[in-house]
């Protein structure tokens, strides 16, 4: 990979990581935050999303939202376990996409594609490009394992 590509991949990883971290940590720090408002009005698969609102499930739903985003952000910022977190993050973005999708419209000025789909695609790109190996802990860990293995 050329230097410009590495820089672009690094910046994309850090920027996406910061955005995910901030989205998660603000939910954790806000004792009033809950996924209820987002899920109550689900337009696509409403029965599926209502399941997440059950009193015994909602605390888990909120926990996964808060900590899933926060840990995804930290994973991207530090470049550790990016392949796994990228895939899991893309799945999380799809779970955010469907409740607001009123097929084929997602928002007043969007047709099928919205920011959640773009985020999912970016996360898949970071995952498949093994972006954590570019100036991240994944790369450092791989190099150290190779040094130990090669003696």
C-alpha atoms as a PDB file:
ATOM      1  CA  UNK A   1       0.000   0.000   0.000  1.00  0.00           C
ATOM      2  CA  UNK A   2       1.305   3.433  -0.903  1.00  0.00           C
ATOM      3  CA  UNK A   3       1.919   6.097   1.736  1.00  0.00           C
ATOM      4  CA  UNK A   4      -1.040   8.255   0.625  1.00  0.00           C
ATOM      5  CA  UNK A   5      -3.345   5.248   0.842  1.00  0.00           C
ATOM      6  CA  UNK A   6      -2.074   4.425   4.332  1.00  0.00           C
ATOM      7  CA  UNK A   7      -2.620   8.000   5.472  1.00  0.00           C
ATOM      8  CA  UNK A   8      -6.149   8.048   4.013  1.00  0.00           C
ATOM      9  CA  UNK A   9      -7.015   4.703   5.616  1.00  0.00           C
ATOM     10  CA  UNK A  10      -5.603   5.841   8.957  1.00  0.00           C
ATOM     11  CA  UNK A  11      -7.542   9.121   8.894  1.00  0.00           C
ATOM     12  CA  UNK A  12     -10.753   7.324   7.911  1.00  0.00           C
ATOM     13  CA  UNK A  13     -10.265   4.821  10.747  1.00  0.00           C
ATOM     14  CA  UNK A  14      -9.591   7.535  13.350  1.00  0.00           C
ATOM     15  CA  UNK A  15     -12.461   9.770  12.184  1.00  0.00           C
ATOM     16  CA  UNK A  16     -14.951   6.908  12.130  1.00  0.00           C
ATOM     17  CA  UNK A  17     -13.663   5.721  15.485  1.00  0.00           C
ATOM     18  CA  UNK A  18     -14.089   9.133  17.052  1.00  0.00           C
ATOM     19  CA  UNK A  19     -17.621   9.453  15.685  1.00  0.00           C
ATOM     20  CA  UNK A  20     -18.621   6.021  17.065  1.00  0.00           C
ATOM     21  CA  UNK A  21     -16.879   6.615  20.398  1.00  0.00           C
ATOM     22  CA  UNK A  22     -18.566   9.980  20.866  1.00  0.00           C
ATOM     23  CA  UNK A  23     -21.993   8.551  19.963  1.00  0.00           C
ATOM     24  CA  UNK A  24     -21.520   5.810  22.556  1.00  0.00           C
ATOM     25  CA  UNK A  25     -19.925   7.738  25.402  1.00  0.00           C
ATOM     26  CA  UNK A  26     -22.571  10.484  25.276  1.00  0.00           C
ATOM     27  CA  UNK A  27     -25.224   7.788  25.724  1.00  0.00           C
ATOM     28  CA  UNK A  28     -23.345   6.294  28.677  1.00  0.00           C
ATOM     29  CA  UNK A  29     -22.936   9.688  30.341  1.00  0.00           C
ATOM     30  CA  UNK A  30     -26.601  10.631  29.875  1.00  0.00           C
ATOM     31  CA  UNK A  31     -28.638   8.828  32.550  1.00  0.00           C
ATOM     32  CA  UNK A  32     -31.857   9.760  30.701  1.00  0.00           C
ATOM     33  CA  UNK A  33     -30.827   8.144  27.402  1.00  0.00           C
ATOM     34  CA  UNK A  34     -32.749   5.117  26.193  1.00  0.00           C
ATOM     35  CA  UNK A  35     -33.353   3.411  22.854  1.00  0.00           C
ATOM     36  CA  UNK A  36     -37.113   3.549  23.458  1.00  0.00           C
ATOM     37  CA  UNK A  37     -37.757   6.663  21.376  1.00  0.00           C
ATOM     38  CA  UNK A  38     -35.877   5.291  18.391  1.00  0.00           C
ATOM     39  CA  UNK A  39     -37.437   1.844  18.468  1.00  0.00           C
ATOM     40  CA  UNK A  40     -41.049   2.729  19.305  1.00  0.00           C
ATOM     41  CA  UNK A  41     -41.731   4.193  15.900  1.00  0.00           C
ATOM     42  CA  UNK A  42     -40.014   1.465  13.847  1.00  0.00           C
ATOM     43  CA  UNK A  43     -41.391   1.566  10.306  1.00  0.00           C
ATOM     44  CA  UNK A  44     -39.758  -1.586   8.983  1.00  0.00           C
ATOM     45  CA  UNK A  45     -40.030  -4.854  10.918  1.00  0.00           C
ATOM     46  CA  UNK A  46     -41.930  -3.146  13.762  1.00  0.00           C
ATOM     47  CA  UNK A  47     -42.687  -6.413  15.578  1.00  0.00           C
ATOM     48  CA  UNK A  48     -38.997  -7.333  15.570  1.00  0.00           C
ATOM     49  CA  UNK A  49     -37.960  -3.959  17.008  1.00  0.00           C
ATOM     50  CA  UNK A  50     -40.781  -3.984  19.566  1.00  0.00           C
ATOM     51  CA  UNK A  51     -39.195  -7.136  20.966  1.00  0.00           C
ATOM     52  CA  UNK A  52     -36.150  -5.060  21.988  1.00  0.00           C
ATOM     53  CA  UNK A  53     -38.469  -2.837  24.052  1.00  0.00           C
ATOM     54  CA  UNK A  54     -39.679  -5.560  26.393  1.00  0.00           C
ATOM     55  CA  UNK A  55     -38.953  -4.614  30.018  1.00  0.00           C
ATOM     56  CA  UNK A  56     -36.561  -7.544  30.504  1.00  0.00           C
ATOM     57  CA  UNK A  57     -34.785  -6.906  27.155  1.00  0.00           C
ATOM     58  CA  UNK A  58     -34.583  -3.074  27.120  1.00  0.00           C
ATOM     59  CA  UNK A  59     -31.687  -2.827  29.623  1.00  0.00           C
ATOM     60  CA  UNK A  60     -29.670  -5.183  27.397  1.00  0.00           C
ATOM     61  CA  UNK A  61     -30.651  -3.190  24.294  1.00  0.00           C
ATOM     62  CA  UNK A  62     -29.501   0.049  25.937  1.00  0.00           C
ATOM     63  CA  UNK A  63     -26.276  -1.536  27.214  1.00  0.00           C
ATOM     64  CA  UNK A  64     -25.384  -2.907  23.764  1.00  0.00           C
ATOM     65  CA  UNK A  65     -26.091   0.462  22.159  1.00  0.00           C
ATOM     66  CA  UNK A  66     -24.047   2.446  24.674  1.00  0.00           C
ATOM     67  CA  UNK A  67     -21.092   0.127  25.062  1.00  0.00           C
ATOM     68  CA  UNK A  68     -21.181  -1.303  21.539  1.00  0.00           C
ATOM     69  CA  UNK A  69     -20.645   2.132  20.018  1.00  0.00           C
ATOM     70  CA  UNK A  70     -18.086   3.142  22.640  1.00  0.00           C
ATOM     71  CA  UNK A  71     -16.002  -0.009  22.254  1.00  0.00           C
ATOM     72  CA  UNK A  72     -16.315   0.101  18.460  1.00  0.00           C
ATOM     73  CA  UNK A  73     -14.939   3.634  18.569  1.00  0.00           C
ATOM     74  CA  UNK A  74     -12.044   2.666  20.832  1.00  0.00           C
ATOM     75  CA  UNK A  75     -11.265  -0.334  18.640  1.00  0.00           C
ATOM     76  CA  UNK A  76     -11.006   1.890  15.583  1.00  0.00           C
ATOM     77  CA  UNK A  77      -9.093   4.681  17.314  1.00  0.00           C
ATOM     78  CA  UNK A  78      -6.468   2.298  18.690  1.00  0.00           C
ATOM     79  CA  UNK A  79      -6.540  -0.030  15.694  1.00  0.00           C
ATOM     80  CA  UNK A  80      -7.169  -3.184  17.707  1.00  0.00           C
ATOM     81  CA  UNK A  81      -9.500  -6.026  16.617  1.00  0.00           C
ATOM     82  CA  UNK A  82     -10.667  -3.890  13.692  1.00  0.00           C
ATOM     83  CA  UNK A  83     -11.676  -6.883  11.564  1.00  0.00           C
ATOM     84  CA  UNK A  84     -14.113  -8.100  14.211  1.00  0.00           C
ATOM     85  CA  UNK A  85     -15.353  -4.718  15.402  1.00  0.00           C
ATOM     86  CA  UNK A  86     -15.871  -3.538  11.823  1.00  0.00           C
ATOM     87  CA  UNK A  87     -18.190  -6.443  11.028  1.00  0.00           C
ATOM     88  CA  UNK A  88     -20.067  -6.161  14.337  1.00  0.00           C
ATOM     89  CA  UNK A  89     -20.326  -2.394  13.891  1.00  0.00           C
ATOM     90  CA  UNK A  90     -21.750  -2.826  10.374  1.00  0.00           C
ATOM     91  CA  UNK A  91     -24.412  -5.147  11.801  1.00  0.00           C
ATOM     92  CA  UNK A  92     -25.210  -2.548  14.466  1.00  0.00           C
ATOM     93  CA  UNK A  93     -25.577   0.107  11.752  1.00  0.00           C
ATOM     94  CA  UNK A  94     -28.104  -2.109   9.944  1.00  0.00           C
ATOM     95  CA  UNK A  95     -30.073  -2.389  13.189  1.00  0.00           C
ATOM     96  CA  UNK A  96     -30.128   1.428  13.280  1.00  0.00           C
ATOM     97  CA  UNK A  97     -31.130   1.649   9.605  1.00  0.00           C
ATOM     98  CA  UNK A  98     -34.258  -0.480   9.490  1.00  0.00           C
ATOM     99  CA  UNK A  99     -36.376   1.217  12.182  1.00  0.00           C
ATOM    100  CA  UNK A 100     -36.296   4.519  10.276  1.00  0.00           C
ATOM    101  CA  UNK A 101     -36.670   3.004   6.791  1.00  0.00           C
ATOM    102  CA  UNK A 102     -40.094   3.659   5.280  1.00  0.00           C
ATOM    103  CA  UNK A 103     -39.227   1.755   2.124  1.00  0.00           C
ATOM    104  CA  UNK A 104     -37.962   3.063  -0.220  1.00  0.00           C
ATOM    105  CA  UNK A 105     -37.554   6.349   1.662  1.00  0.00           C
ATOM    106  CA  UNK A 106     -35.243   6.682   4.615  1.00  0.00           C
ATOM    107  CA  UNK A 107     -35.465  10.434   5.162  1.00  0.00           C
ATOM    108  CA  UNK A 108     -36.995  13.379   3.311  1.00  0.00           C
ATOM    109  CA  UNK A 109     -33.987  13.655   1.000  1.00  0.00           C
ATOM    110  CA  UNK A 110     -32.770  10.063   0.904  1.00  0.00           C
ATOM    111  CA  UNK A 111     -33.823   7.162  -1.260  1.00  0.00           C
ATOM    112  CA  UNK A 112     -32.874   3.727   0.143  1.00  0.00           C
ATOM    113  CA  UNK A 113     -29.377   4.866   1.230  1.00  0.00           C
ATOM    114  CA  UNK A 114     -28.718   6.927   4.355  1.00  0.00           C
ATOM    115  CA  UNK A 115     -25.828   7.615   6.701  1.00  0.00           C
ATOM    116  CA  UNK A 116     -26.197   4.242   8.450  1.00  0.00           C
ATOM    117  CA  UNK A 117     -25.587   2.406   5.177  1.00  0.00           C
ATOM    118  CA  UNK A 118     -22.552   4.592   4.470  1.00  0.00           C
ATOM    119  CA  UNK A 119     -21.201   3.897   7.980  1.00  0.00           C
ATOM    120  CA  UNK A 120     -21.773   0.156   7.502  1.00  0.00           C
ATOM    121  CA  UNK A 121     -19.881   0.254   4.201  1.00  0.00           C
ATOM    122  CA  UNK A 122     -17.008   2.228   5.758  1.00  0.00           C
ATOM    123  CA  UNK A 123     -16.815  -0.284   8.627  1.00  0.00           C
ATOM    124  CA  UNK A 124     -16.753  -3.211   6.176  1.00  0.00           C
ATOM    125  CA  UNK A 125     -14.020  -1.431   4.203  1.00  0.00           C
ATOM    126  CA  UNK A 126     -11.950  -0.876   7.344  1.00  0.00           C
ATOM    127  CA  UNK A 127     -12.481  -4.505   8.315  1.00  0.00           C
ATOM    128  CA  UNK A 128     -11.551  -5.998   4.945  1.00  0.00           C
ATOM    129  CA  UNK A 129      -8.578  -3.658   4.505  1.00  0.00           C
ATOM    130  CA  UNK A 130      -7.338  -4.727   7.948  1.00  0.00           C
ATOM    131  CA  UNK A 131      -7.059  -1.061   8.805  1.00  0.00           C
ATOM    132  CA  UNK A 132      -5.815  -1.826  12.315  1.00  0.00           C
ATOM    133  CA  UNK A 133      -2.521  -2.949  10.816  1.00  0.00           C
ATOM    134  CA  UNK A 134      -1.909   0.546   9.455  1.00  0.00           C
ATOM    135  CA  UNK A 135      -0.470   2.465  12.387  1.00  0.00           C
ATOM    136  CA  UNK A 136      -2.620   0.573  14.870  1.00  0.00           C
ATOM    137  CA  UNK A 137      -2.194  -1.985  17.627  1.00  0.00           C
ATOM    138  CA  UNK A 138      -3.195  -4.824  15.289  1.00  0.00           C
ATOM    139  CA  UNK A 139      -0.073  -4.140  13.230  1.00  0.00           C
ATOM    140  CA  UNK A 140       2.115  -3.862  16.311  1.00  0.00           C
ATOM    141  CA  UNK A 141       0.771  -7.128  17.734  1.00  0.00           C
ATOM    142  CA  UNK A 142       1.280  -8.931  14.402  1.00  0.00           C
ATOM    143  CA  UNK A 143       4.879  -7.701  14.131  1.00  0.00           C
ATOM    144  CA  UNK A 144       5.658  -8.770  17.703  1.00  0.00           C
ATOM    145  CA  UNK A 145       4.148 -12.230  17.152  1.00  0.00           C
ATOM    146  CA  UNK A 146       6.170 -12.653  13.957  1.00  0.00           C
ATOM    147  CA  UNK A 147       9.383 -11.619  15.720  1.00  0.00           C
ATOM    148  CA  UNK A 148       8.777 -14.155  18.503  1.00  0.00           C
ATOM    149  CA  UNK A 149       7.774 -16.861  16.035  1.00  0.00           C
ATOM    150  CA  UNK A 150      10.765 -16.277  13.746  1.00  0.00           C
ATOM    151  CA  UNK A 151      13.095 -16.151  16.748  1.00  0.00           C
END
